[in-house]
Amino acid sequence: MKNHLRGLQTQLDAKVGSGATVLIAFCNAQERAERVDDKEDASRLMGLALRSNDRTLAHALFRRAIDQRWSGVVEQFTGGYPESATAAKEIQILDEHLENSWRRTMAYIV
């Protein structure tokens, strides 16, 4: 399941583009997204990224939204990039399943 999740993430990341300039922009966008602490700011930034067609920031915010369980931000992303919606939704479902499995395991251990 983790390999399938990683494959979907790689497939989605490939839609950002390639080349040195894109990779640098994506790294910068990831750093910016990591500094976002609440879903309202994430939603506002996602709106800006979608309006300006900033794919690197939109994808970085999508990753942050998955990690933080900000489903509204994920929905903004899939609405803005419908060609990525299926992979994005599957990533969200798999990530939540893996997180819930980990929590159940920890509950049994403790």
C-alpha atoms as a PDB file:
ATOM      1  CA  MET A   1       0.000   0.000   0.000  1.00  0.00           C
ATOM      2  CA  LYS A   2       2.845   2.400   0.807  1.00  0.00           C
ATOM      3  CA  ASN A   3       4.449   1.697  -2.572  1.00  0.00           C
ATOM      4  CA  HIS A   4       1.161   2.426  -4.339  1.00  0.00           C
ATOM      5  CA  LEU A   5       0.838   5.681  -2.385  1.00  0.00           C
ATOM      6  CA  ARG A   6       4.409   6.668  -3.268  1.00  0.00           C
ATOM      7  CA  GLY A   7       3.722   5.884  -6.930  1.00  0.00           C
ATOM      8  CA  LEU A   8       0.631   8.090  -6.953  1.00  0.00           C
ATOM      9  CA  GLN A   9       2.548  10.911  -5.286  1.00  0.00           C
ATOM     10  CA  THR A  10       5.310  10.625  -7.885  1.00  0.00           C
ATOM     11  CA  GLN A  11       2.717  10.584 -10.683  1.00  0.00           C
ATOM     12  CA  LEU A  12       1.102  13.730  -9.316  1.00  0.00           C
ATOM     13  CA  ASP A  13       4.435  15.487  -8.727  1.00  0.00           C
ATOM     14  CA  ALA A  14       5.416  14.784 -12.351  1.00  0.00           C
ATOM     15  CA  LYS A  15       2.559  17.052 -13.455  1.00  0.00           C
ATOM     16  CA  VAL A  16       4.417  20.019 -11.966  1.00  0.00           C
ATOM     17  CA  GLY A  17       7.048  19.699 -14.667  1.00  0.00           C
ATOM     18  CA  SER A  18      10.759  19.061 -14.832  1.00  0.00           C
ATOM     19  CA  GLY A  19      13.928  20.962 -15.298  1.00  0.00           C
ATOM     20  CA  ALA A  20      16.159  22.842 -12.922  1.00  0.00           C
ATOM     21  CA  THR A  21      13.995  25.949 -12.708  1.00  0.00           C
ATOM     22  CA  VAL A  22      10.842  23.973 -11.907  1.00  0.00           C
ATOM     23  CA  LEU A  23      12.626  21.857  -9.291  1.00  0.00           C
ATOM     24  CA  ILE A  24      13.973  24.957  -7.544  1.00  0.00           C
ATOM     25  CA  ALA A  25      10.534  26.576  -7.638  1.00  0.00           C
ATOM     26  CA  PHE A  26       8.966  23.382  -6.234  1.00  0.00           C
ATOM     27  CA  CYS A  27      11.489  23.234  -3.374  1.00  0.00           C
ATOM     28  CA  ASN A  28      10.800  26.884  -2.566  1.00  0.00           C
ATOM     29  CA  ALA A  29       7.045  26.268  -2.701  1.00  0.00           C
ATOM     30  CA  GLN A  30       7.380  23.290  -0.363  1.00  0.00           C
ATOM     31  CA  GLU A  31       9.268  25.417   2.154  1.00  0.00           C
ATOM     32  CA  ARG A  32       6.579  28.087   1.918  1.00  0.00           C
ATOM     33  CA  ALA A  33       3.790  25.530   2.334  1.00  0.00           C
ATOM     34  CA  GLU A  34       5.473  24.008   5.396  1.00  0.00           C
ATOM     35  CA  ARG A  35       5.240  27.394   7.129  1.00  0.00           C
ATOM     36  CA  VAL A  36       1.442  27.458   6.742  1.00  0.00           C
ATOM     37  CA  ASP A  37      -0.063  26.631  10.128  1.00  0.00           C
ATOM     38  CA  ASP A  38      -3.814  26.716   9.599  1.00  0.00           C
ATOM     39  CA  LYS A  39      -6.334  25.727   6.984  1.00  0.00           C
ATOM     40  CA  GLU A  40      -7.606  29.277   6.437  1.00  0.00           C
ATOM     41  CA  ASP A  41      -4.158  30.482   5.356  1.00  0.00           C
ATOM     42  CA  ALA A  42      -3.711  27.336   3.288  1.00  0.00           C
ATOM     43  CA  SER A  43      -7.062  27.924   1.582  1.00  0.00           C
ATOM     44  CA  ARG A  44      -6.214  31.562   0.856  1.00  0.00           C
ATOM     45  CA  LEU A  45      -2.810  30.617  -0.589  1.00  0.00           C
ATOM     46  CA  MET A  46      -4.331  27.795  -2.633  1.00  0.00           C
ATOM     47  CA  GLY A  47      -6.778  30.287  -4.116  1.00  0.00           C
ATOM     48  CA  LEU A  48      -3.895  32.585  -5.051  1.00  0.00           C
ATOM     49  CA  ALA A  49      -1.905  29.703  -6.518  1.00  0.00           C
ATOM     50  CA  LEU A  50      -4.854  28.557  -8.617  1.00  0.00           C
ATOM     51  CA  ARG A  51      -5.650  32.069  -9.869  1.00  0.00           C
ATOM     52  CA  SER A  52      -2.038  32.711 -10.868  1.00  0.00           C
ATOM     53  CA  ASN A  53      -1.559  29.167 -12.258  1.00  0.00           C
ATOM     54  CA  ASP A  54       1.306  28.553  -9.811  1.00  0.00           C
ATOM     55  CA  ARG A  55       1.369  24.753 -10.103  1.00  0.00           C
ATOM     56  CA  THR A  56       4.394  24.411  -7.838  1.00  0.00           C
ATOM     57  CA  LEU A  57       2.725  26.207  -4.931  1.00  0.00           C
ATOM     58  CA  ALA A  58      -0.614  24.463  -5.513  1.00  0.00           C
ATOM     59  CA  HIS A  59       1.049  21.042  -5.411  1.00  0.00           C
ATOM     60  CA  ALA A  60       3.091  21.930  -2.332  1.00  0.00           C
ATOM     61  CA  LEU A  61      -0.033  23.169  -0.557  1.00  0.00           C
ATOM     62  CA  PHE A  62      -1.846  20.001  -1.590  1.00  0.00           C
ATOM     63  CA  ARG A  63       0.856  17.926   0.114  1.00  0.00           C
ATOM     64  CA  ARG A  64       0.613  20.081   3.243  1.00  0.00           C
ATOM     65  CA  ALA A  65      -3.180  19.774   3.210  1.00  0.00           C
ATOM     66  CA  ILE A  66      -2.924  15.973   3.043  1.00  0.00           C
ATOM     67  CA  ASP A  67      -0.495  15.927   5.982  1.00  0.00           C
ATOM     68  CA  GLN A  68      -2.691  18.248   8.063  1.00  0.00           C
ATOM     69  CA  ARG A  69      -6.051  16.702   7.025  1.00  0.00           C
ATOM     70  CA  TRP A  70      -7.333  19.985   5.528  1.00  0.00           C
ATOM     71  CA  SER A  71      -9.924  18.420   3.225  1.00  0.00           C
ATOM     72  CA  GLY A  72     -11.252  21.785   2.009  1.00  0.00           C
ATOM     73  CA  VAL A  73      -7.827  22.691   0.655  1.00  0.00           C
ATOM     74  CA  VAL A  74      -7.580  19.290  -1.039  1.00  0.00           C
ATOM     75  CA  GLU A  75     -10.963  19.966  -2.665  1.00  0.00           C
ATOM     76  CA  GLN A  76      -9.738  23.360  -3.896  1.00  0.00           C
ATOM     77  CA  PHE A  77      -6.758  21.623  -5.487  1.00  0.00           C
ATOM     78  CA  THR A  78      -8.864  18.954  -7.198  1.00  0.00           C
ATOM     79  CA  GLY A  79     -11.287  21.620  -8.416  1.00  0.00           C
ATOM     80  CA  GLY A  80      -8.440  23.632  -9.900  1.00  0.00           C
ATOM     81  CA  TYR A  81      -6.705  20.632 -11.436  1.00  0.00           C
ATOM     82  CA  PRO A  82      -9.466  18.186 -12.416  1.00  0.00           C
ATOM     83  CA  GLU A  83      -6.984  16.102 -14.416  1.00  0.00           C
ATOM     84  CA  SER A  84      -5.257  15.335 -11.101  1.00  0.00           C
ATOM     85  CA  ALA A  85      -8.435  14.802  -9.077  1.00  0.00           C
ATOM     86  CA  THR A  86      -8.519  11.000  -9.212  1.00  0.00           C
ATOM     87  CA  ALA A  87      -4.899  10.603  -8.098  1.00  0.00           C
ATOM     88  CA  ALA A  88      -5.286  13.337  -5.458  1.00  0.00           C
ATOM     89  CA  LYS A  89      -8.389  11.735  -3.938  1.00  0.00           C
ATOM     90  CA  GLU A  90      -6.748   8.315  -3.915  1.00  0.00           C
ATOM     91  CA  ILE A  91      -3.672   9.784  -2.192  1.00  0.00           C
ATOM     92  CA  GLN A  92      -5.941  11.347   0.427  1.00  0.00           C
ATOM     93  CA  ILE A  93      -7.781   8.062   1.059  1.00  0.00           C
ATOM     94  CA  LEU A  94      -4.604   5.958   1.243  1.00  0.00           C
ATOM     95  CA  ASP A  95      -2.876   8.473   3.511  1.00  0.00           C
ATOM     96  CA  GLU A  96      -5.839   8.522   5.902  1.00  0.00           C
ATOM     97  CA  HIS A  97      -5.996   4.720   5.905  1.00  0.00           C
ATOM     98  CA  LEU A  98      -2.286   4.404   6.690  1.00  0.00           C
ATOM     99  CA  GLU A  99      -2.565   7.025   9.452  1.00  0.00           C
ATOM    100  CA  ASN A 100      -5.563   5.261  11.014  1.00  0.00           C
ATOM    101  CA  SER A 101      -3.756   1.903  10.852  1.00  0.00           C
ATOM    102  CA  TRP A 102      -0.750   3.434  12.598  1.00  0.00           C
ATOM    103  CA  ARG A 103      -2.960   4.943  15.317  1.00  0.00           C
ATOM    104  CA  ARG A 104      -4.709   1.607  15.921  1.00  0.00           C
ATOM    105  CA  THR A 105      -1.332  -0.111  16.214  1.00  0.00           C
ATOM    106  CA  MET A 106      -0.102   2.477  18.712  1.00  0.00           C
ATOM    107  CA  ALA A 107      -3.309   2.122  20.754  1.00  0.00           C
ATOM    108  CA  TYR A 108      -2.679  -1.609  21.118  1.00  0.00           C
ATOM    109  CA  ILE A 109       0.956  -1.096  22.080  1.00  0.00           C
ATOM    110  CA  VAL A 110       0.221   1.496  24.750  1.00  0.00           C
END
